[in-house]
Amino acid sequence: MKKRLAVLMTLCLMVSMSACSDNEKGRGTYSEDIKASDKEEKEDKKEKDDKKEEEEKDGKKSEEEPAEDPEDVIEEDIEEEVFETGDLVFETVDITGKKVDQDIIKGSKLVLLNLWEPWCGPCVNEMPDLEILYENYKDEGLIILGAYTTFDMDADAKELVDSYGITYPILKADENLYSYEQSYVPATFIFDGHGNLLDKNPVEGSQSYYEWESIVKKYLSE
């Protein structure tokens, strides 16, 4: 009887130990499953985040304006540099021999084309007043161009310019400037900053500083 009881107890103990072992195995498997699941979730989240970041980058790139073709930029710059004038077109040299054309009036608002000659007393007497006028109003957009045609008097012209301290451009009239020549001098034609003739009739004869100032103020205020 005692032996049977001992055998039964031994069997019960073995069954109990086996059940515990199975539970421990089950717990280990469950823990591993949780860890594996967490790892998968993290990987999925990282993949989604990376995908979202790429989409955002692609979206920003699509919103950005396409880069300009370097050739187009060069062409635009060239077009901007072209300065077209209306009636006042010329290509000549100034009293020092420097090449000058209509680009010299670029950026101005008012142009006085003063036709004069070194042998003309009223022309010469007017030059100091024109110089003062130029100095006082050049920052407001005035430019004065003095043009003469008596080229065999270049030395006299240079001497006059130097003695009076003339700083506005003194030009040798080319064919285009000569086309404005009158039967008398001085004669002054008035243009806007784009070379458009504002009055077909020139200002006749020499003017005092105040007379010139009145004319200039009138056109600059328009």
N, C-alpha and C. Protein backbone atom coordinates (compact mmCIF):
# COMPACT_ATOMS: atom_id res chain seq x y z
N MET A 1 0.82 -1.20 0.00
CA MET A 1 0.00 0.00 0.00
C MET A 1 0.86 1.25 0.00
N LYS A 2 1.82 1.27 0.85
CA LYS A 2 2.73 2.41 0.92
C LYS A 2 3.49 2.58 -0.38
N LYS A 3 3.87 1.46 -1.00
CA LYS A 3 4.60 1.55 -2.26
C LYS A 3 3.73 2.16 -3.34
N ARG A 4 2.45 1.75 -3.40
CA ARG A 4 1.54 2.30 -4.40
C ARG A 4 1.36 3.80 -4.20
N LEU A 5 1.18 4.16 -2.93
CA LEU A 5 1.01 5.58 -2.60
C LEU A 5 2.24 6.38 -3.04
N ALA A 6 3.42 5.81 -2.81
CA ALA A 6 4.66 6.49 -3.18
C ALA A 6 4.74 6.64 -4.69
N VAL A 7 4.33 5.57 -5.42
CA VAL A 7 4.37 5.61 -6.89
C VAL A 7 3.42 6.67 -7.40
N LEU A 8 2.20 6.74 -6.79
CA LEU A 8 1.21 7.75 -7.21
C LEU A 8 1.72 9.16 -6.97
N MET A 9 2.33 9.40 -5.85
CA MET A 9 2.87 10.72 -5.55
C MET A 9 3.97 11.09 -6.52
N THR A 10 4.81 10.09 -6.85
CA THR A 10 5.90 10.33 -7.80
C THR A 10 5.36 10.73 -9.17
N LEU A 11 4.27 10.01 -9.59
CA LEU A 11 3.64 10.29 -10.88
C LEU A 11 3.03 11.69 -10.89
N CYS A 12 2.36 12.03 -9.79
CA CYS A 12 1.74 13.38 -9.70
C CYS A 12 2.79 14.48 -9.77
N LEU A 13 3.93 14.25 -9.09
CA LEU A 13 5.00 15.23 -9.09
C LEU A 13 5.58 15.44 -10.49
N MET A 14 5.71 14.30 -11.22
CA MET A 14 6.26 14.37 -12.55
C MET A 14 5.31 15.11 -13.49
N VAL A 15 4.01 14.83 -13.34
CA VAL A 15 3.01 15.52 -14.17
C VAL A 15 3.02 17.02 -13.89
N SER A 16 3.13 17.36 -12.58
CA SER A 16 3.15 18.78 -12.19
C SER A 16 4.37 19.50 -12.76
N MET A 17 5.52 18.85 -12.67
CA MET A 17 6.75 19.45 -13.19
C MET A 17 6.67 19.63 -14.70
N SER A 18 6.07 18.64 -15.38
CA SER A 18 5.93 18.71 -16.82
C SER A 18 5.04 19.88 -17.21
N ALA A 19 3.99 20.09 -16.45
CA ALA A 19 3.06 21.21 -16.73
C ALA A 19 3.74 22.54 -16.52
N CYS A 20 4.54 22.63 -15.49
CA CYS A 20 5.28 23.88 -15.22
C CYS A 20 6.26 24.17 -16.34
N SER A 21 6.90 23.11 -16.80
CA SER A 21 7.88 23.28 -17.87
C SER A 21 7.19 23.80 -19.14
N ASP A 22 5.99 23.20 -19.38
CA ASP A 22 5.24 23.65 -20.58
C ASP A 22 4.81 25.10 -20.46
N ASN A 23 4.44 25.50 -19.24
CA ASN A 23 4.03 26.90 -19.03
C ASN A 23 5.18 27.86 -19.25
N GLU A 24 6.36 27.45 -18.78
CA GLU A 24 7.54 28.30 -18.94
C GLU A 24 7.88 28.46 -20.41
N LYS A 25 7.75 27.33 -21.12
CA LYS A 25 8.01 27.39 -22.56
C LYS A 25 7.01 28.31 -23.24
N GLY A 26 5.77 28.19 -22.79
CA GLY A 26 4.72 29.03 -23.38
C GLY A 26 4.98 30.49 -23.11
N ARG A 27 5.42 30.80 -21.88
CA ARG A 27 5.72 32.19 -21.54
C ARG A 27 6.87 32.73 -22.39
N GLY A 28 7.88 31.89 -22.58
CA GLY A 28 9.03 32.31 -23.38
C GLY A 28 8.62 32.61 -24.81
N THR A 29 7.78 31.77 -25.37
CA THR A 29 7.32 31.96 -26.74
C THR A 29 6.49 33.22 -26.86
N TYR A 30 5.61 33.46 -25.89
CA TYR A 30 4.76 34.66 -25.90
C TYR A 30 5.61 35.94 -25.83
N SER A 31 6.64 35.92 -24.97
CA SER A 31 7.53 37.08 -24.83
C SER A 31 8.28 37.35 -26.13
N GLU A 32 8.73 36.28 -26.76
CA GLU A 32 9.43 36.44 -28.03
C GLU A 32 8.51 36.99 -29.11
N ASP A 33 7.24 36.52 -29.07
CA ASP A 33 6.27 37.00 -30.05
C ASP A 33 6.04 38.51 -29.90
N ILE A 34 5.96 38.95 -28.65
CA ILE A 34 5.75 40.39 -28.39
C ILE A 34 6.93 41.20 -28.92
N LYS A 35 8.12 40.72 -28.64
CA LYS A 35 9.32 41.41 -29.10
C LYS A 35 9.35 41.48 -30.62
N ALA A 36 9.03 40.37 -31.26
CA ALA A 36 9.03 40.33 -32.72
C ALA A 36 8.00 41.29 -33.28
N SER A 37 6.84 41.34 -32.62
CA SER A 37 5.78 42.25 -33.07
C SER A 37 6.20 43.70 -32.94
N ASP A 38 6.84 44.04 -31.81
CA ASP A 38 7.33 45.41 -31.60
C ASP A 38 8.35 45.79 -32.66
N LYS A 39 9.21 44.86 -32.97
CA LYS A 39 10.25 45.12 -33.96
C LYS A 39 9.64 45.39 -35.33
N GLU A 40 8.62 44.58 -35.68
CA GLU A 40 7.95 44.78 -36.96
C GLU A 40 7.26 46.14 -37.02
N GLU A 41 6.60 46.52 -35.90
CA GLU A 41 5.92 47.81 -35.85
C GLU A 41 6.91 48.97 -36.04
N LYS A 42 8.08 48.86 -35.38
CA LYS A 42 9.10 49.90 -35.51
C LYS A 42 9.61 49.99 -36.94
N GLU A 43 9.83 48.84 -37.56
CA GLU A 43 10.31 48.82 -38.93
C GLU A 43 9.28 49.42 -39.89
N ASP A 44 7.99 49.05 -39.64
CA ASP A 44 6.91 49.61 -40.48
C ASP A 44 6.83 51.11 -40.32
N LYS A 45 6.94 51.58 -39.06
CA LYS A 45 6.87 53.03 -38.78
C LYS A 45 8.02 53.76 -39.45
N LYS A 46 9.23 53.19 -39.36
CA LYS A 46 10.41 53.81 -39.99
C LYS A 46 10.24 53.88 -41.50
N GLU A 47 9.71 52.80 -42.07
CA GLU A 47 9.50 52.75 -43.52
C GLU A 47 8.50 53.82 -43.95
N LYS A 48 7.41 53.97 -43.15
CA LYS A 48 6.40 54.98 -43.46
C LYS A 48 6.96 56.39 -43.33
N ASP A 49 7.76 56.61 -42.28
CA ASP A 49 8.37 57.92 -42.07
C ASP A 49 9.32 58.28 -43.21
N ASP A 50 10.12 57.29 -43.62
CA ASP A 50 11.05 57.53 -44.74
C ASP A 50 10.30 57.85 -46.02
N LYS A 51 9.20 57.11 -46.24
CA LYS A 51 8.40 57.33 -47.44
C LYS A 51 7.77 58.72 -47.43
N LYS A 52 7.26 59.14 -46.25
CA LYS A 52 6.64 60.45 -46.11
C LYS A 52 7.66 61.56 -46.35
N GLU A 53 8.89 61.37 -45.82
CA GLU A 53 9.94 62.37 -46.00
C GLU A 53 10.31 62.52 -47.47
N GLU A 54 10.39 61.39 -48.20
CA GLU A 54 10.70 61.43 -49.62
C GLU A 54 9.60 62.15 -50.40
N GLU A 55 8.33 61.87 -50.02
CA GLU A 55 7.21 62.52 -50.70
C GLU A 55 7.24 64.03 -50.49
N GLU A 56 7.57 64.44 -49.24
CA GLU A 56 7.65 65.87 -48.94
C GLU A 56 8.76 66.54 -49.76
N LYS A 57 9.90 65.86 -49.88
CA LYS A 57 11.01 66.39 -50.68
C LYS A 57 10.61 66.53 -52.14
N ASP A 58 9.94 65.49 -52.66
CA ASP A 58 9.49 65.52 -54.05
C ASP A 58 8.49 66.65 -54.27
N GLY A 59 7.62 66.86 -53.26
CA GLY A 59 6.63 67.93 -53.35
C GLY A 59 7.27 69.29 -53.40
N LYS A 60 8.30 69.50 -52.58
CA LYS A 60 9.01 70.78 -52.57
C LYS A 60 9.72 71.02 -53.88
N LYS A 61 10.32 69.95 -54.43
CA LYS A 61 11.02 70.09 -55.70
C LYS A 61 10.07 70.48 -56.82
N SER A 62 8.86 69.87 -56.80
CA SER A 62 7.89 70.18 -57.86
C SER A 62 7.38 71.59 -57.76
N GLU A 63 7.36 72.16 -56.53
CA GLU A 63 6.90 73.53 -56.34
C GLU A 63 7.94 74.55 -56.79
N GLU A 64 9.20 74.16 -56.77
CA GLU A 64 10.26 75.08 -57.15
C GLU A 64 10.21 75.35 -58.65
N GLU A 65 10.55 76.60 -59.03
CA GLU A 65 10.55 76.96 -60.44
C GLU A 65 11.72 76.28 -61.14
N PRO A 66 11.51 75.87 -62.38
CA PRO A 66 12.61 75.22 -63.12
C PRO A 66 13.76 76.19 -63.33
N ALA A 67 14.95 75.67 -63.31
CA ALA A 67 16.14 76.52 -63.48
C ALA A 67 16.15 77.14 -64.88
N GLU A 68 16.59 78.40 -64.94
CA GLU A 68 16.62 79.09 -66.22
C GLU A 68 17.78 78.58 -67.07
N ASP A 69 17.51 78.49 -68.35
CA ASP A 69 18.56 78.11 -69.29
C ASP A 69 19.58 79.24 -69.36
N PRO A 70 20.87 78.95 -69.13
CA PRO A 70 21.90 80.01 -69.18
C PRO A 70 21.86 80.82 -70.47
N GLU A 71 21.52 80.16 -71.60
CA GLU A 71 21.46 80.87 -72.86
C GLU A 71 20.34 81.89 -72.86
N ASP A 72 19.19 81.51 -72.22
CA ASP A 72 18.06 82.44 -72.13
C ASP A 72 18.42 83.65 -71.30
N VAL A 73 19.16 83.42 -70.20
CA VAL A 73 19.56 84.52 -69.32
C VAL A 73 20.47 85.49 -70.08
N ILE A 74 21.40 84.93 -70.86
CA ILE A 74 22.32 85.76 -71.63
C ILE A 74 21.55 86.59 -72.65
N GLU A 75 20.56 85.94 -73.31
CA GLU A 75 19.78 86.66 -74.32
C GLU A 75 18.99 87.79 -73.68
N GLU A 76 18.41 87.55 -72.48
CA GLU A 76 17.65 88.58 -71.79
C GLU A 76 18.55 89.76 -71.44
N ASP A 77 19.77 89.46 -70.95
CA ASP A 77 20.70 90.53 -70.60
C ASP A 77 21.05 91.36 -71.82
N ILE A 78 21.25 90.70 -72.96
CA ILE A 78 21.60 91.41 -74.18
C ILE A 78 20.46 92.31 -74.60
N GLU A 79 19.21 91.80 -74.49
CA GLU A 79 18.06 92.61 -74.87
C GLU A 79 17.94 93.84 -74.00
N GLU A 80 18.21 93.69 -72.70
CA GLU A 80 18.11 94.82 -71.79
C GLU A 80 19.17 95.87 -72.08
N GLU A 81 20.32 95.44 -72.60
CA GLU A 81 21.40 96.38 -72.85
C GLU A 81 21.17 97.22 -74.10
N VAL A 82 20.27 96.76 -74.99
CA VAL A 82 19.99 97.50 -76.22
C VAL A 82 19.18 98.75 -75.86
N PHE A 83 19.72 99.92 -76.25
CA PHE A 83 19.05 101.19 -75.95
C PHE A 83 18.58 101.80 -77.27
N GLU A 84 17.27 101.80 -77.44
CA GLU A 84 16.71 102.33 -78.67
C GLU A 84 16.28 103.78 -78.46
N THR A 85 16.69 104.64 -79.40
CA THR A 85 16.30 106.04 -79.31
C THR A 85 15.35 106.39 -80.44
N GLY A 86 14.67 107.51 -80.28
CA GLY A 86 13.73 107.93 -81.30
C GLY A 86 14.41 108.70 -82.42
N ASP A 87 14.33 110.03 -82.35
CA ASP A 87 14.86 110.86 -83.43
C ASP A 87 16.36 111.12 -83.31
N LEU A 88 16.88 111.04 -82.11
CA LEU A 88 18.29 111.39 -81.89
C LEU A 88 19.17 110.14 -82.00
N VAL A 89 19.73 109.95 -83.20
CA VAL A 89 20.60 108.80 -83.46
C VAL A 89 21.88 109.32 -84.11
N PHE A 90 23.01 108.95 -83.55
CA PHE A 90 24.28 109.42 -84.11
C PHE A 90 25.43 108.52 -83.68
N GLU A 91 26.53 108.64 -84.39
CA GLU A 91 27.76 107.90 -84.06
C GLU A 91 28.93 108.77 -84.49
N THR A 92 29.62 109.33 -83.52
CA THR A 92 30.66 110.29 -83.83
C THR A 92 31.77 110.20 -82.79
N VAL A 93 32.55 111.28 -82.64
CA VAL A 93 33.58 111.35 -81.61
C VAL A 93 33.42 112.68 -80.88
N ASP A 94 33.89 112.69 -79.62
CA ASP A 94 33.85 113.95 -78.89
C ASP A 94 35.12 114.75 -79.19
N ILE A 95 35.28 115.86 -78.52
CA ILE A 95 36.38 116.77 -78.81
C ILE A 95 37.75 116.16 -78.49
N THR A 96 37.74 115.09 -77.68
CA THR A 96 39.00 114.41 -77.33
C THR A 96 39.29 113.22 -78.25
N GLY A 97 38.36 112.93 -79.17
CA GLY A 97 38.54 111.81 -80.08
C GLY A 97 37.89 110.53 -79.61
N LYS A 98 37.20 110.56 -78.48
CA LYS A 98 36.53 109.37 -77.95
C LYS A 98 35.24 109.11 -78.70
N LYS A 99 35.00 107.83 -79.07
CA LYS A 99 33.78 107.47 -79.80
C LYS A 99 32.55 107.67 -78.91
N VAL A 100 31.52 108.25 -79.51
CA VAL A 100 30.28 108.54 -78.78
C VAL A 100 29.10 108.26 -79.69
N ASP A 101 28.04 107.65 -79.14
CA ASP A 101 26.79 107.48 -79.89
C ASP A 101 25.61 107.82 -78.99
N GLN A 102 24.41 107.50 -79.44
CA GLN A 102 23.20 107.89 -78.72
C GLN A 102 23.08 107.25 -77.32
N ASP A 103 23.88 106.22 -77.06
CA ASP A 103 23.85 105.60 -75.73
C ASP A 103 24.24 106.59 -74.63
N ILE A 104 24.88 107.68 -75.01
CA ILE A 104 25.34 108.65 -74.03
C ILE A 104 24.16 109.29 -73.28
N ILE A 105 22.97 109.28 -73.89
CA ILE A 105 21.81 109.90 -73.24
C ILE A 105 21.02 108.90 -72.40
N LYS A 106 21.46 107.65 -72.39
CA LYS A 106 20.75 106.62 -71.62
C LYS A 106 20.69 107.00 -70.15
N GLY A 107 19.48 106.93 -69.59
CA GLY A 107 19.29 107.25 -68.18
C GLY A 107 18.92 108.70 -67.93
N SER A 108 18.95 109.52 -68.99
CA SER A 108 18.60 110.93 -68.83
C SER A 108 17.09 111.13 -68.99
N LYS A 109 16.63 112.31 -68.64
CA LYS A 109 15.22 112.66 -68.80
C LYS A 109 15.02 113.76 -69.84
N LEU A 110 16.04 114.58 -69.98
CA LEU A 110 15.94 115.72 -70.90
C LEU A 110 17.28 115.94 -71.57
N VAL A 111 17.25 116.16 -72.89
CA VAL A 111 18.48 116.34 -73.67
C VAL A 111 18.40 117.67 -74.42
N LEU A 112 19.44 118.49 -74.26
CA LEU A 112 19.57 119.72 -75.04
C LEU A 112 20.68 119.51 -76.06
N LEU A 113 20.33 119.53 -77.34
CA LEU A 113 21.33 119.45 -78.41
C LEU A 113 21.63 120.88 -78.84
N ASN A 114 22.76 121.38 -78.36
CA ASN A 114 23.15 122.76 -78.61
C ASN A 114 24.11 122.81 -79.80
N LEU A 115 23.62 123.36 -80.93
CA LEU A 115 24.44 123.49 -82.14
C LEU A 115 25.16 124.83 -82.09
N TRP A 116 26.48 124.77 -82.11
CA TRP A 116 27.29 125.98 -81.94
C TRP A 116 28.52 125.90 -82.85
N GLU A 117 29.28 126.97 -82.94
CA GLU A 117 30.52 126.97 -83.69
C GLU A 117 31.56 127.80 -82.93
N PRO A 118 32.83 127.42 -83.02
CA PRO A 118 33.88 128.14 -82.29
C PRO A 118 34.02 129.60 -82.72
N TRP A 119 33.62 129.94 -83.96
CA TRP A 119 33.75 131.31 -84.45
C TRP A 119 32.55 132.19 -84.07
N CYS A 120 31.52 131.57 -83.45
CA CYS A 120 30.27 132.27 -83.14
C CYS A 120 30.34 132.90 -81.75
N GLY A 121 30.37 134.25 -81.70
CA GLY A 121 30.45 134.95 -80.42
C GLY A 121 29.33 134.63 -79.46
N PRO A 122 28.04 134.72 -79.87
CA PRO A 122 26.93 134.40 -78.97
C PRO A 122 26.98 132.95 -78.47
N CYS A 123 27.44 132.04 -79.34
CA CYS A 123 27.57 130.62 -78.94
C CYS A 123 28.56 130.49 -77.79
N VAL A 124 29.70 131.11 -77.96
CA VAL A 124 30.77 131.04 -76.97
C VAL A 124 30.35 131.71 -75.67
N ASN A 125 29.68 132.85 -75.78
CA ASN A 125 29.24 133.57 -74.58
C ASN A 125 28.20 132.79 -73.78
N GLU A 126 27.47 131.93 -74.46
CA GLU A 126 26.41 131.14 -73.81
C GLU A 126 26.96 129.93 -73.05
N MET A 127 28.13 129.48 -73.42
CA MET A 127 28.68 128.23 -72.87
C MET A 127 28.83 128.22 -71.34
N PRO A 128 29.30 129.29 -70.71
CA PRO A 128 29.41 129.26 -69.24
C PRO A 128 28.07 129.06 -68.54
N ASP A 129 27.01 129.70 -69.08
CA ASP A 129 25.67 129.53 -68.50
C ASP A 129 25.16 128.10 -68.71
N LEU A 130 25.45 127.54 -69.87
CA LEU A 130 25.04 126.15 -70.13
C LEU A 130 25.78 125.18 -69.19
N GLU A 131 27.03 125.48 -68.91
CA GLU A 131 27.80 124.65 -67.99
C GLU A 131 27.20 124.67 -66.58
N ILE A 132 26.84 125.86 -66.11
CA ILE A 132 26.22 125.98 -64.78
C ILE A 132 24.88 125.25 -64.76
N LEU A 133 24.12 125.42 -65.85
CA LEU A 133 22.83 124.74 -65.96
C LEU A 133 23.01 123.22 -65.88
N TYR A 134 24.00 122.73 -66.59
CA TYR A 134 24.29 121.29 -66.59
C TYR A 134 24.67 120.79 -65.20
N GLU A 135 25.54 121.52 -64.53
CA GLU A 135 25.97 121.12 -63.19
C GLU A 135 24.81 121.12 -62.21
N ASN A 136 23.90 122.07 -62.36
CA ASN A 136 22.78 122.20 -61.41
C ASN A 136 21.66 121.18 -61.66
N TYR A 137 21.53 120.69 -62.88
CA TYR A 137 20.38 119.84 -63.19
C TYR A 137 20.73 118.45 -63.73
N LYS A 138 22.01 118.11 -63.80
CA LYS A 138 22.37 116.79 -64.33
C LYS A 138 21.89 115.67 -63.42
N ASP A 139 21.85 115.93 -62.11
CA ASP A 139 21.36 114.90 -61.19
C ASP A 139 19.85 114.70 -61.30
N GLU A 140 19.17 115.64 -61.92
CA GLU A 140 17.72 115.52 -62.14
C GLU A 140 17.40 114.95 -63.52
N GLY A 141 18.46 114.61 -64.27
CA GLY A 141 18.24 113.95 -65.56
C GLY A 141 18.56 114.78 -66.78
N LEU A 142 19.18 115.95 -66.61
CA LEU A 142 19.53 116.80 -67.77
C LEU A 142 20.89 116.42 -68.33
N ILE A 143 20.96 116.36 -69.66
CA ILE A 143 22.26 116.23 -70.33
C ILE A 143 22.28 117.23 -71.49
N ILE A 144 23.41 117.88 -71.66
CA ILE A 144 23.60 118.84 -72.75
C ILE A 144 24.65 118.28 -73.70
N LEU A 145 24.35 118.30 -74.97
CA LEU A 145 25.30 117.88 -75.99
C LEU A 145 25.61 119.10 -76.87
N GLY A 146 26.86 119.53 -76.86
CA GLY A 146 27.27 120.62 -77.73
C GLY A 146 27.87 120.03 -79.00
N ALA A 147 27.35 120.41 -80.17
CA ALA A 147 27.84 119.84 -81.43
C ALA A 147 28.25 120.96 -82.39
N TYR A 148 29.42 120.81 -83.01
CA TYR A 148 29.89 121.82 -83.98
C TYR A 148 30.37 121.12 -85.25
N THR A 149 30.48 121.88 -86.33
CA THR A 149 30.83 121.30 -87.64
C THR A 149 32.11 121.86 -88.23
N THR A 150 32.64 122.93 -87.65
CA THR A 150 33.85 123.55 -88.20
C THR A 150 35.08 122.81 -87.66
N PHE A 151 35.39 121.66 -88.30
CA PHE A 151 36.44 120.80 -87.77
C PHE A 151 37.84 121.38 -87.93
N ASP A 152 38.01 122.34 -88.84
CA ASP A 152 39.33 122.95 -88.99
C ASP A 152 39.61 123.94 -87.85
N MET A 153 38.62 124.05 -86.93
CA MET A 153 38.81 124.91 -85.76
C MET A 153 38.82 124.08 -84.47
N ASP A 154 39.24 122.80 -84.60
CA ASP A 154 39.27 121.91 -83.43
C ASP A 154 40.13 122.49 -82.31
N ALA A 155 41.26 123.05 -82.67
CA ALA A 155 42.17 123.61 -81.65
C ALA A 155 41.49 124.76 -80.91
N ASP A 156 40.75 125.59 -81.64
CA ASP A 156 40.03 126.71 -81.01
C ASP A 156 38.93 126.18 -80.10
N ALA A 157 38.24 125.13 -80.57
CA ALA A 157 37.16 124.55 -79.77
C ALA A 157 37.71 123.98 -78.46
N LYS A 158 38.83 123.28 -78.55
CA LYS A 158 39.44 122.70 -77.34
C LYS A 158 39.88 123.80 -76.37
N GLU A 159 40.42 124.86 -76.92
CA GLU A 159 40.88 125.96 -76.07
C GLU A 159 39.70 126.59 -75.32
N LEU A 160 38.58 126.75 -76.02
CA LEU A 160 37.38 127.32 -75.39
C LEU A 160 36.84 126.40 -74.29
N VAL A 161 36.78 125.12 -74.60
CA VAL A 161 36.28 124.14 -73.62
C VAL A 161 37.15 124.15 -72.37
N ASP A 162 38.46 124.17 -72.56
CA ASP A 162 39.38 124.17 -71.42
C ASP A 162 39.29 125.47 -70.62
N SER A 163 39.21 126.59 -71.31
CA SER A 163 39.21 127.88 -70.62
C SER A 163 37.94 128.10 -69.82
N TYR A 164 36.82 127.57 -70.31
CA TYR A 164 35.55 127.74 -69.60
C TYR A 164 35.23 126.57 -68.66
N GLY A 165 36.08 125.57 -68.68
CA GLY A 165 35.85 124.41 -67.80
C GLY A 165 34.57 123.66 -68.15
N ILE A 166 34.32 123.49 -69.43
CA ILE A 166 33.10 122.82 -69.89
C ILE A 166 33.20 121.31 -69.63
N THR A 167 32.19 120.76 -68.95
CA THR A 167 32.19 119.32 -68.64
C THR A 167 31.11 118.55 -69.39
N TYR A 168 30.12 119.26 -69.95
CA TYR A 168 29.12 118.52 -70.74
C TYR A 168 29.76 118.13 -72.06
N PRO A 169 29.32 117.04 -72.70
CA PRO A 169 29.98 116.52 -73.91
C PRO A 169 29.96 117.52 -75.08
N ILE A 170 31.12 117.69 -75.69
CA ILE A 170 31.25 118.50 -76.90
C ILE A 170 31.57 117.55 -78.05
N LEU A 171 30.69 117.48 -79.04
CA LEU A 171 30.79 116.49 -80.10
C LEU A 171 31.07 117.13 -81.45
N LYS A 172 31.75 116.36 -82.30
CA LYS A 172 31.88 116.75 -83.70
C LYS A 172 30.65 116.19 -84.42
N ALA A 173 29.89 117.07 -85.01
CA ALA A 173 28.62 116.66 -85.62
C ALA A 173 28.84 115.69 -86.79
N ASP A 174 28.19 114.51 -86.70
CA ASP A 174 28.21 113.59 -87.83
C ASP A 174 27.05 113.95 -88.76
N GLU A 175 26.79 113.13 -89.74
CA GLU A 175 25.74 113.43 -90.71
C GLU A 175 24.37 113.58 -90.04
N ASN A 176 24.10 112.72 -89.05
CA ASN A 176 22.79 112.76 -88.38
C ASN A 176 22.63 114.03 -87.55
N LEU A 177 23.67 114.39 -86.80
CA LEU A 177 23.59 115.62 -86.02
C LEU A 177 23.56 116.85 -86.92
N TYR A 178 24.29 116.75 -88.04
CA TYR A 178 24.33 117.86 -88.98
C TYR A 178 22.95 118.14 -89.60
N SER A 179 22.12 117.09 -89.64
CA SER A 179 20.78 117.25 -90.22
C SER A 179 19.92 118.23 -89.42
N TYR A 180 20.33 118.51 -88.18
CA TYR A 180 19.60 119.49 -87.36
C TYR A 180 20.17 120.90 -87.52
N GLU A 181 21.22 121.02 -88.30
CA GLU A 181 21.87 122.32 -88.48
C GLU A 181 20.90 123.34 -89.07
N GLN A 182 20.95 124.56 -88.54
CA GLN A 182 20.10 125.65 -89.02
C GLN A 182 20.95 126.68 -89.79
N SER A 183 20.28 127.67 -90.31
CA SER A 183 20.99 128.72 -91.03
C SER A 183 21.64 129.71 -90.07
N TYR A 184 21.44 129.46 -88.80
CA TYR A 184 22.01 130.34 -87.77
C TYR A 184 22.45 129.49 -86.57
N VAL A 185 23.34 130.03 -85.80
CA VAL A 185 23.75 129.40 -84.54
C VAL A 185 23.87 130.52 -83.49
N PRO A 186 23.69 130.17 -82.21
CA PRO A 186 23.34 128.84 -81.71
C PRO A 186 21.86 128.52 -81.94
N ALA A 187 21.60 127.21 -82.05
CA ALA A 187 20.24 126.69 -82.14
C ALA A 187 20.21 125.42 -81.28
N THR A 188 19.19 125.31 -80.47
CA THR A 188 19.15 124.18 -79.52
C THR A 188 17.84 123.41 -79.66
N PHE A 189 17.98 122.12 -79.94
CA PHE A 189 16.81 121.23 -80.02
C PHE A 189 16.66 120.48 -78.70
N ILE A 190 15.41 120.22 -78.35
CA ILE A 190 15.12 119.59 -77.06
C ILE A 190 14.49 118.20 -77.29
N PHE A 191 15.07 117.19 -76.62
CA PHE A 191 14.60 115.80 -76.72
C PHE A 191 14.30 115.26 -75.33
N ASP A 192 13.50 114.20 -75.29
CA ASP A 192 13.31 113.51 -74.01
C ASP A 192 14.44 112.50 -73.82
N GLY A 193 14.40 111.75 -72.74
CA GLY A 193 15.48 110.82 -72.42
C GLY A 193 15.62 109.65 -73.36
N HIS A 194 14.63 109.46 -74.25
CA HIS A 194 14.70 108.38 -75.25
C HIS A 194 15.00 108.91 -76.64
N GLY A 195 15.37 110.19 -76.71
CA GLY A 195 15.76 110.76 -77.99
C GLY A 195 14.61 111.20 -78.87
N ASN A 196 13.42 111.33 -78.29
CA ASN A 196 12.27 111.80 -79.06
C ASN A 196 12.24 113.33 -79.05
N LEU A 197 12.13 113.90 -80.22
CA LEU A 197 12.13 115.36 -80.35
C LEU A 197 10.84 115.92 -79.73
N LEU A 198 11.00 116.82 -78.78
CA LEU A 198 9.84 117.38 -78.08
C LEU A 198 9.27 118.60 -78.77
N ASP A 199 10.07 119.28 -79.56
CA ASP A 199 9.60 120.47 -80.29
C ASP A 199 10.41 120.58 -81.57
N LYS A 200 9.72 120.56 -82.70
CA LYS A 200 10.43 120.62 -83.99
C LYS A 200 11.11 121.97 -84.21
N ASN A 201 10.66 122.95 -83.47
CA ASN A 201 11.27 124.28 -83.57
C ASN A 201 12.35 124.42 -82.49
N PRO A 202 13.57 124.74 -82.86
CA PRO A 202 14.64 124.86 -81.86
C PRO A 202 14.53 126.16 -81.08
N VAL A 203 15.24 126.21 -79.98
CA VAL A 203 15.39 127.47 -79.24
C VAL A 203 16.40 128.30 -80.02
N GLU A 204 15.98 129.44 -80.50
CA GLU A 204 16.83 130.24 -81.38
C GLU A 204 17.70 131.21 -80.59
N GLY A 205 18.95 131.28 -80.98
CA GLY A 205 19.87 132.24 -80.38
C GLY A 205 20.31 131.84 -78.98
N SER A 206 21.20 132.66 -78.42
CA SER A 206 21.71 132.38 -77.08
C SER A 206 20.70 132.81 -76.03
N GLN A 207 20.75 132.13 -74.87
CA GLN A 207 19.83 132.42 -73.78
C GLN A 207 20.65 132.65 -72.50
N SER A 208 20.07 133.41 -71.59
CA SER A 208 20.72 133.59 -70.29
C SER A 208 20.50 132.34 -69.44
N TYR A 209 21.22 132.24 -68.33
CA TYR A 209 21.06 131.10 -67.44
C TYR A 209 19.61 130.97 -67.00
N TYR A 210 18.99 132.07 -66.59
CA TYR A 210 17.63 132.02 -66.05
C TYR A 210 16.60 131.65 -67.12
N GLU A 211 16.86 132.07 -68.35
CA GLU A 211 15.97 131.67 -69.45
C GLU A 211 16.07 130.16 -69.69
N TRP A 212 17.28 129.66 -69.67
CA TRP A 212 17.48 128.21 -69.83
C TRP A 212 16.88 127.44 -68.65
N GLU A 213 17.05 127.93 -67.46
CA GLU A 213 16.52 127.26 -66.28
C GLU A 213 15.00 127.16 -66.35
N SER A 214 14.36 128.22 -66.82
CA SER A 214 12.91 128.21 -66.96
C SER A 214 12.46 127.13 -67.95
N ILE A 215 13.18 127.00 -69.05
CA ILE A 215 12.86 125.99 -70.07
C ILE A 215 13.05 124.58 -69.51
N VAL A 216 14.17 124.37 -68.85
CA VAL A 216 14.49 123.04 -68.31
C VAL A 216 13.49 122.62 -67.23
N LYS A 217 13.17 123.52 -66.34
CA LYS A 217 12.20 123.21 -65.28
C LYS A 217 10.85 122.81 -65.86
N LYS A 218 10.45 123.51 -66.92
CA LYS A 218 9.17 123.23 -67.56
C LYS A 218 9.12 121.79 -68.05
N TYR A 219 10.17 121.36 -68.78
CA TYR A 219 10.16 120.01 -69.35
C TYR A 219 10.38 118.92 -68.30
N LEU A 220 11.20 119.20 -67.30
CA LEU A 220 11.44 118.19 -66.27
C LEU A 220 10.21 117.97 -65.40
N SER A 221 9.35 118.95 -65.29
CA SER A 221 8.15 118.83 -64.46
C SER A 221 7.01 118.11 -65.18
N GLU A 222 7.15 117.94 -66.49
CA GLU A 222 6.07 117.29 -67.26
C GLU A 222 6.09 115.78 -67.10
